[in-house]
Amino acid sequence: DRAAERLTGIRDSWVANGFDLDDLPIVQTPYGTDNGADAFEALMKSETPPSVVMCGNDVLAAGAMLRARQLGYSVPDDVSITGFDDIELAQHLSPTLTTVHVPHREMGGTAARELVKLIDGNANTVRRQLNVSIVMRESLAAV
């Protein structure tokens, strides 16, 4: 599951950089802007609100950004928010969303070719890894 692997990557990076996993606040929520908004609010109501909220997809991040504004937080001055997928919406939010670009067309084409192989009886399909990149936009504070 891609979402689970994203979370594993965040946890692994957190530990690799010397942080205690018990100090990593995580709110898992279903896909949707309202869910992203509610998860953001829950994080910000914690005893130690985070300065960065990393969302598992851009739709959750859009919801987080909307709720941040409603709660009076400035993005990225008070809290940075990042997404994952680089859907078209990411470049139209205000501020624009820093996100991980996923090559959707390449992923779809690759999946279709592998599916045709399976339909044709070729059980030797392989898992393919596609390159992703970080798209730096305005929702992430400068370090």
N, C-alpha and C. Protein backbone atom coordinates (compact mmCIF):
# COMPACT_ATOMS: atom_id res chain seq x y z
N ASP A 1 0.85 -1.18 0.00
CA ASP A 1 0.00 0.00 0.00
C ASP A 1 0.89 1.23 0.00
N ARG A 2 0.67 2.09 -0.98
CA ARG A 2 1.54 3.26 -1.14
C ARG A 2 1.48 4.20 0.05
N ALA A 3 0.29 4.42 0.61
CA ALA A 3 0.17 5.33 1.76
C ALA A 3 0.96 4.80 2.95
N ALA A 4 0.89 3.49 3.18
CA ALA A 4 1.65 2.89 4.28
C ALA A 4 3.15 3.04 4.05
N GLU A 5 3.59 2.90 2.80
CA GLU A 5 5.00 3.04 2.50
C GLU A 5 5.46 4.49 2.69
N ARG A 6 4.60 5.45 2.39
CA ARG A 6 4.94 6.85 2.63
C ARG A 6 5.16 7.09 4.11
N LEU A 7 4.27 6.56 4.92
CA LEU A 7 4.39 6.71 6.37
C LEU A 7 5.64 6.02 6.89
N THR A 8 5.96 4.86 6.36
CA THR A 8 7.18 4.16 6.74
C THR A 8 8.40 5.01 6.40
N GLY A 9 8.38 5.64 5.25
CA GLY A 9 9.49 6.51 4.85
C GLY A 9 9.67 7.69 5.79
N ILE A 10 8.56 8.28 6.22
CA ILE A 10 8.63 9.40 7.16
C ILE A 10 9.21 8.91 8.49
N ARG A 11 8.70 7.79 8.98
CA ARG A 11 9.20 7.24 10.25
C ARG A 11 10.70 6.92 10.16
N ASP A 12 11.11 6.27 9.07
CA ASP A 12 12.51 5.90 8.90
C ASP A 12 13.41 7.14 8.87
N SER A 13 12.97 8.17 8.17
CA SER A 13 13.74 9.40 8.08
C SER A 13 13.83 10.09 9.44
N TRP A 14 12.72 10.09 10.16
CA TRP A 14 12.66 10.69 11.50
C TRP A 14 13.72 10.05 12.41
N VAL A 15 13.75 8.72 12.42
CA VAL A 15 14.69 7.99 13.27
C VAL A 15 16.12 8.18 12.76
N ALA A 16 16.31 8.14 11.45
CA ALA A 16 17.65 8.30 10.86
C ALA A 16 18.26 9.66 11.19
N ASN A 17 17.42 10.64 11.46
CA ASN A 17 17.90 11.97 11.81
C ASN A 17 17.99 12.19 13.32
N GLY A 18 17.90 11.09 14.08
CA GLY A 18 18.16 11.14 15.50
C GLY A 18 16.98 11.48 16.39
N PHE A 19 15.77 11.46 15.84
CA PHE A 19 14.59 11.77 16.65
C PHE A 19 13.95 10.50 17.19
N ASP A 20 13.29 10.64 18.32
CA ASP A 20 12.59 9.53 18.96
C ASP A 20 11.23 9.34 18.29
N LEU A 21 10.96 8.12 17.86
CA LEU A 21 9.70 7.83 17.17
C LEU A 21 8.47 8.16 18.02
N ASP A 22 8.63 8.10 19.34
CA ASP A 22 7.51 8.44 20.23
C ASP A 22 7.14 9.92 20.15
N ASP A 23 8.05 10.75 19.62
CA ASP A 23 7.80 12.19 19.51
C ASP A 23 7.23 12.59 18.15
N LEU A 24 6.94 11.62 17.30
CA LEU A 24 6.40 11.90 15.97
C LEU A 24 4.88 11.81 16.02
N PRO A 25 4.20 12.95 15.99
CA PRO A 25 2.73 12.91 16.02
C PRO A 25 2.18 12.49 14.66
N ILE A 26 1.31 11.50 14.66
CA ILE A 26 0.73 11.00 13.41
C ILE A 26 -0.78 10.93 13.57
N VAL A 27 -1.48 11.49 12.60
CA VAL A 27 -2.93 11.36 12.53
C VAL A 27 -3.24 10.72 11.19
N GLN A 28 -3.78 9.52 11.20
CA GLN A 28 -4.15 8.87 9.96
C GLN A 28 -5.63 9.10 9.72
N THR A 29 -5.97 9.43 8.49
CA THR A 29 -7.35 9.77 8.17
C THR A 29 -7.65 9.37 6.73
N PRO A 30 -8.91 9.09 6.42
CA PRO A 30 -9.26 8.78 5.03
C PRO A 30 -9.08 10.00 4.12
N TYR A 31 -9.05 9.72 2.84
CA TYR A 31 -8.91 10.73 1.79
C TYR A 31 -10.07 11.73 1.85
N GLY A 32 -9.77 13.00 1.73
CA GLY A 32 -10.81 14.02 1.67
C GLY A 32 -10.35 15.32 2.31
N THR A 33 -10.80 16.44 1.76
CA THR A 33 -10.39 17.73 2.29
C THR A 33 -10.88 17.94 3.72
N ASP A 34 -12.11 17.54 4.01
CA ASP A 34 -12.62 17.69 5.38
C ASP A 34 -11.80 16.86 6.36
N ASN A 35 -11.39 15.67 5.95
CA ASN A 35 -10.57 14.82 6.81
C ASN A 35 -9.20 15.45 7.04
N GLY A 36 -8.63 16.04 5.99
CA GLY A 36 -7.34 16.73 6.14
C GLY A 36 -7.46 17.91 7.08
N ALA A 37 -8.57 18.63 6.98
CA ALA A 37 -8.81 19.78 7.85
C ALA A 37 -8.92 19.34 9.31
N ASP A 38 -9.69 18.29 9.55
CA ASP A 38 -9.88 17.80 10.93
C ASP A 38 -8.58 17.25 11.50
N ALA A 39 -7.80 16.55 10.69
CA ALA A 39 -6.52 16.01 11.16
C ALA A 39 -5.56 17.14 11.50
N PHE A 40 -5.54 18.18 10.67
CA PHE A 40 -4.69 19.34 10.95
C PHE A 40 -5.07 19.97 12.28
N GLU A 41 -6.35 20.15 12.49
CA GLU A 41 -6.82 20.77 13.73
C GLU A 41 -6.42 19.92 14.94
N ALA A 42 -6.55 18.62 14.82
CA ALA A 42 -6.16 17.73 15.92
C ALA A 42 -4.68 17.88 16.24
N LEU A 43 -3.84 17.95 15.21
CA LEU A 43 -2.41 18.12 15.43
C LEU A 43 -2.11 19.44 16.11
N MET A 44 -2.77 20.50 15.68
CA MET A 44 -2.48 21.82 16.21
C MET A 44 -3.03 22.02 17.62
N LYS A 45 -3.96 21.17 18.04
CA LYS A 45 -4.48 21.24 19.41
C LYS A 45 -3.64 20.43 20.39
N SER A 46 -2.62 19.73 19.87
CA SER A 46 -1.78 18.92 20.75
C SER A 46 -0.94 19.82 21.65
N GLU A 47 -0.37 19.22 22.68
CA GLU A 47 0.43 19.97 23.66
C GLU A 47 1.58 20.72 23.00
N THR A 48 2.19 20.09 22.01
CA THR A 48 3.28 20.72 21.26
C THR A 48 2.93 20.69 19.77
N PRO A 49 2.26 21.73 19.29
CA PRO A 49 1.87 21.73 17.87
C PRO A 49 3.10 21.69 16.96
N PRO A 50 3.01 20.98 15.86
CA PRO A 50 4.16 20.87 14.96
C PRO A 50 4.37 22.16 14.16
N SER A 51 5.59 22.35 13.69
CA SER A 51 5.88 23.48 12.81
C SER A 51 5.76 23.07 11.34
N VAL A 52 5.71 21.75 11.10
CA VAL A 52 5.54 21.22 9.74
C VAL A 52 4.50 20.10 9.79
N VAL A 53 3.57 20.13 8.86
CA VAL A 53 2.58 19.05 8.73
C VAL A 53 2.77 18.44 7.35
N MET A 54 3.15 17.17 7.33
CA MET A 54 3.36 16.45 6.08
C MET A 54 2.14 15.59 5.82
N CYS A 55 1.44 15.88 4.75
CA CYS A 55 0.21 15.16 4.42
C CYS A 55 0.51 14.07 3.39
N GLY A 56 -0.21 12.98 3.48
CA GLY A 56 0.01 11.84 2.61
C GLY A 56 -0.45 12.04 1.19
N ASN A 57 -1.22 13.10 0.93
CA ASN A 57 -1.61 13.44 -0.43
C ASN A 57 -2.01 14.92 -0.48
N ASP A 58 -2.14 15.44 -1.68
CA ASP A 58 -2.43 16.86 -1.85
C ASP A 58 -3.84 17.24 -1.42
N VAL A 59 -4.78 16.33 -1.49
CA VAL A 59 -6.16 16.63 -1.09
C VAL A 59 -6.21 16.84 0.43
N LEU A 60 -5.54 15.98 1.19
CA LEU A 60 -5.47 16.18 2.63
C LEU A 60 -4.76 17.50 2.95
N ALA A 61 -3.70 17.79 2.21
CA ALA A 61 -2.95 19.03 2.43
C ALA A 61 -3.82 20.25 2.13
N ALA A 62 -4.64 20.18 1.09
CA ALA A 62 -5.54 21.30 0.78
C ALA A 62 -6.49 21.54 1.94
N GLY A 63 -7.03 20.47 2.51
CA GLY A 63 -7.91 20.59 3.66
C GLY A 63 -7.18 21.18 4.85
N ALA A 64 -5.94 20.75 5.06
CA ALA A 64 -5.13 21.28 6.17
C ALA A 64 -4.89 22.77 5.98
N MET A 65 -4.61 23.19 4.75
CA MET A 65 -4.36 24.61 4.49
C MET A 65 -5.62 25.44 4.72
N LEU A 66 -6.75 24.92 4.32
CA LEU A 66 -8.01 25.64 4.54
C LEU A 66 -8.29 25.80 6.04
N ARG A 67 -8.09 24.72 6.81
CA ARG A 67 -8.35 24.79 8.24
C ARG A 67 -7.33 25.70 8.93
N ALA A 68 -6.09 25.67 8.45
CA ALA A 68 -5.08 26.55 9.03
C ALA A 68 -5.55 28.00 8.94
N ARG A 69 -6.04 28.38 7.79
CA ARG A 69 -6.54 29.75 7.60
C ARG A 69 -7.70 30.03 8.53
N GLN A 70 -8.63 29.08 8.65
CA GLN A 70 -9.79 29.26 9.51
C GLN A 70 -9.39 29.43 10.98
N LEU A 71 -8.31 28.76 11.38
CA LEU A 71 -7.85 28.82 12.76
C LEU A 71 -6.90 29.99 13.01
N GLY A 72 -6.61 30.74 11.98
CA GLY A 72 -5.74 31.91 12.13
C GLY A 72 -4.26 31.65 11.99
N TYR A 73 -3.89 30.47 11.47
CA TYR A 73 -2.48 30.17 11.23
C TYR A 73 -2.08 30.68 9.85
N SER A 74 -0.88 31.23 9.77
CA SER A 74 -0.32 31.64 8.49
C SER A 74 0.56 30.52 7.96
N VAL A 75 0.32 30.11 6.73
CA VAL A 75 1.15 29.11 6.06
C VAL A 75 2.03 29.86 5.08
N PRO A 76 3.34 29.79 5.18
CA PRO A 76 4.16 28.93 6.02
C PRO A 76 4.75 29.62 7.26
N ASP A 77 4.35 30.85 7.56
CA ASP A 77 4.98 31.57 8.67
C ASP A 77 4.79 30.87 10.01
N ASP A 78 3.59 30.38 10.28
CA ASP A 78 3.31 29.70 11.55
C ASP A 78 3.50 28.19 11.45
N VAL A 79 3.14 27.62 10.32
CA VAL A 79 3.24 26.18 10.11
C VAL A 79 3.41 25.92 8.61
N SER A 80 4.33 25.03 8.28
CA SER A 80 4.51 24.61 6.89
C SER A 80 3.62 23.40 6.64
N ILE A 81 3.11 23.28 5.42
CA ILE A 81 2.27 22.14 5.04
C ILE A 81 2.77 21.61 3.71
N THR A 82 2.95 20.30 3.64
CA THR A 82 3.38 19.68 2.39
C THR A 82 2.39 18.59 1.99
N GLY A 83 2.40 18.26 0.72
CA GLY A 83 1.52 17.23 0.19
C GLY A 83 2.30 16.16 -0.53
N PHE A 84 1.57 15.37 -1.30
CA PHE A 84 2.17 14.27 -2.06
C PHE A 84 1.26 13.98 -3.24
N ASP A 85 1.75 14.01 -4.43
CA ASP A 85 1.09 13.65 -5.69
C ASP A 85 1.31 14.72 -6.75
N ASP A 86 1.31 15.99 -6.36
CA ASP A 86 1.40 17.11 -7.29
C ASP A 86 0.24 17.14 -8.27
N ILE A 87 -0.97 17.03 -7.71
CA ILE A 87 -2.16 17.19 -8.56
C ILE A 87 -2.27 18.65 -8.96
N GLU A 88 -3.05 18.93 -9.98
CA GLU A 88 -3.15 20.29 -10.51
C GLU A 88 -3.54 21.31 -9.45
N LEU A 89 -4.40 20.93 -8.53
CA LEU A 89 -4.84 21.81 -7.45
C LEU A 89 -3.67 22.40 -6.67
N ALA A 90 -2.58 21.66 -6.52
CA ALA A 90 -1.45 22.08 -5.69
C ALA A 90 -0.88 23.43 -6.13
N GLN A 91 -0.88 23.70 -7.41
CA GLN A 91 -0.30 24.95 -7.89
C GLN A 91 -1.30 26.10 -7.88
N HIS A 92 -2.56 25.81 -7.52
CA HIS A 92 -3.58 26.85 -7.49
C HIS A 92 -4.00 27.24 -6.08
N LEU A 93 -3.50 26.51 -5.08
CA LEU A 93 -3.79 26.87 -3.69
C LEU A 93 -3.03 28.14 -3.35
N SER A 94 -3.46 28.79 -2.28
CA SER A 94 -2.76 29.99 -1.83
C SER A 94 -2.44 29.84 -0.35
N PRO A 95 -1.17 29.70 -0.02
CA PRO A 95 -0.01 29.68 -0.90
C PRO A 95 0.05 28.37 -1.70
N THR A 96 0.83 28.39 -2.76
CA THR A 96 0.96 27.18 -3.56
C THR A 96 1.61 26.08 -2.72
N LEU A 97 1.25 24.84 -3.00
CA LEU A 97 1.61 23.71 -2.15
C LEU A 97 2.93 23.06 -2.55
N THR A 98 3.84 22.96 -1.59
CA THR A 98 5.04 22.16 -1.76
C THR A 98 4.61 20.70 -1.69
N THR A 99 5.07 19.90 -2.65
CA THR A 99 4.57 18.53 -2.74
C THR A 99 5.60 17.63 -3.42
N VAL A 100 5.31 16.36 -3.43
CA VAL A 100 6.13 15.39 -4.15
C VAL A 100 5.43 15.10 -5.47
N HIS A 101 6.15 15.33 -6.56
CA HIS A 101 5.58 15.08 -7.90
C HIS A 101 5.67 13.59 -8.21
N VAL A 102 4.53 13.04 -8.55
CA VAL A 102 4.43 11.64 -8.96
C VAL A 102 4.12 11.64 -10.46
N PRO A 103 4.87 10.88 -11.26
CA PRO A 103 4.62 10.87 -12.71
C PRO A 103 3.38 10.03 -13.04
N HIS A 104 2.21 10.65 -12.89
CA HIS A 104 0.94 9.93 -13.02
C HIS A 104 0.76 9.26 -14.38
N ARG A 105 1.08 9.95 -15.45
CA ARG A 105 0.91 9.36 -16.79
C ARG A 105 1.82 8.16 -16.98
N GLU A 106 3.06 8.30 -16.55
CA GLU A 106 4.00 7.19 -16.66
C GLU A 106 3.53 6.01 -15.80
N MET A 107 3.02 6.30 -14.62
CA MET A 107 2.53 5.24 -13.73
C MET A 107 1.35 4.53 -14.38
N GLY A 108 0.43 5.30 -14.94
CA GLY A 108 -0.74 4.69 -15.59
C GLY A 108 -0.35 3.85 -16.80
N GLY A 109 0.55 4.37 -17.62
CA GLY A 109 1.01 3.63 -18.80
C GLY A 109 1.72 2.34 -18.42
N THR A 110 2.57 2.43 -17.41
CA THR A 110 3.29 1.25 -16.93
C THR A 110 2.32 0.21 -16.39
N ALA A 111 1.34 0.66 -15.61
CA ALA A 111 0.34 -0.26 -15.05
C ALA A 111 -0.46 -0.93 -16.17
N ALA A 112 -0.81 -0.17 -17.19
CA ALA A 112 -1.59 -0.73 -18.31
C ALA A 112 -0.78 -1.79 -19.05
N ARG A 113 0.50 -1.52 -19.30
CA ARG A 113 1.34 -2.51 -19.99
C ARG A 113 1.48 -3.79 -19.17
N GLU A 114 1.65 -3.64 -17.84
CA GLU A 114 1.77 -4.82 -16.99
C GLU A 114 0.45 -5.60 -16.95
N LEU A 115 -0.67 -4.90 -16.95
CA LEU A 115 -1.97 -5.55 -16.96
C LEU A 115 -2.18 -6.34 -18.26
N VAL A 116 -1.77 -5.78 -19.38
CA VAL A 116 -1.88 -6.48 -20.66
C VAL A 116 -1.03 -7.75 -20.62
N LYS A 117 0.15 -7.67 -20.03
CA LYS A 117 0.99 -8.87 -19.90
C LYS A 117 0.25 -9.96 -19.11
N LEU A 118 -0.39 -9.56 -18.01
CA LEU A 118 -1.13 -10.54 -17.21
C LEU A 118 -2.28 -11.14 -17.99
N ILE A 119 -3.01 -10.31 -18.73
CA ILE A 119 -4.14 -10.78 -19.53
C ILE A 119 -3.66 -11.76 -20.60
N ASP A 120 -2.49 -11.48 -21.16
CA ASP A 120 -1.93 -12.36 -22.19
C ASP A 120 -1.29 -13.62 -21.61
N GLY A 121 -1.38 -13.80 -20.29
CA GLY A 121 -0.88 -15.01 -19.66
C GLY A 121 0.56 -14.95 -19.22
N ASN A 122 1.19 -13.80 -19.30
CA ASN A 122 2.57 -13.65 -18.87
C ASN A 122 2.58 -13.31 -17.38
N ALA A 123 2.91 -14.29 -16.57
CA ALA A 123 2.92 -14.10 -15.12
C ALA A 123 4.21 -13.46 -14.63
N ASN A 124 5.11 -13.15 -15.56
CA ASN A 124 6.40 -12.59 -15.18
C ASN A 124 6.39 -11.06 -15.17
N THR A 125 5.38 -10.50 -14.58
CA THR A 125 5.36 -9.05 -14.44
C THR A 125 6.30 -8.66 -13.31
N VAL A 126 6.78 -7.44 -13.37
CA VAL A 126 7.71 -6.96 -12.35
C VAL A 126 7.20 -5.67 -11.73
N ARG A 127 7.56 -5.50 -10.50
CA ARG A 127 7.24 -4.25 -9.82
C ARG A 127 8.21 -3.20 -10.32
N ARG A 128 7.69 -2.06 -10.70
CA ARG A 128 8.55 -1.00 -11.24
C ARG A 128 8.56 0.19 -10.30
N GLN A 129 9.72 0.79 -10.18
CA GLN A 129 9.86 1.97 -9.35
C GLN A 129 10.04 3.17 -10.27
N LEU A 130 9.20 4.18 -10.09
CA LEU A 130 9.28 5.38 -10.91
C LEU A 130 9.92 6.51 -10.12
N ASN A 131 10.56 7.41 -10.82
CA ASN A 131 11.22 8.53 -10.16
C ASN A 131 10.20 9.59 -9.76
N VAL A 132 10.37 10.11 -8.57
CA VAL A 132 9.55 11.21 -8.08
C VAL A 132 10.49 12.38 -7.79
N SER A 133 9.92 13.56 -7.62
CA SER A 133 10.73 14.73 -7.30
C SER A 133 9.94 15.66 -6.38
N ILE A 134 10.66 16.43 -5.62
CA ILE A 134 10.02 17.41 -4.74
C ILE A 134 9.81 18.70 -5.51
N VAL A 135 8.59 19.22 -5.43
CA VAL A 135 8.27 20.49 -6.08
C VAL A 135 8.16 21.53 -4.97
N MET A 136 9.17 22.38 -4.89
CA MET A 136 9.21 23.41 -3.85
C MET A 136 8.29 24.57 -4.26
N ARG A 137 7.32 24.84 -3.39
CA ARG A 137 6.43 25.97 -3.62
C ARG A 137 6.35 26.80 -2.34
N GLU A 138 5.30 27.55 -2.17
CA GLU A 138 5.24 28.55 -1.12
C GLU A 138 4.80 28.05 0.25
N SER A 139 4.27 26.84 0.38
CA SER A 139 3.72 26.39 1.66
C SER A 139 4.78 25.86 2.64
N LEU A 140 6.01 25.85 2.23
CA LEU A 140 7.11 25.36 3.07
C LEU A 140 8.02 26.53 3.41
N ALA A 141 8.21 26.78 4.72
CA ALA A 141 9.07 27.87 5.15
C ALA A 141 10.51 27.60 4.78
N ALA A 142 11.23 28.66 4.47
CA ALA A 142 12.66 28.54 4.18
C ALA A 142 13.39 28.18 5.46
N VAL A 143 14.38 27.35 5.31
CA VAL A 143 15.15 26.88 6.48
C VAL A 143 16.30 27.83 6.73
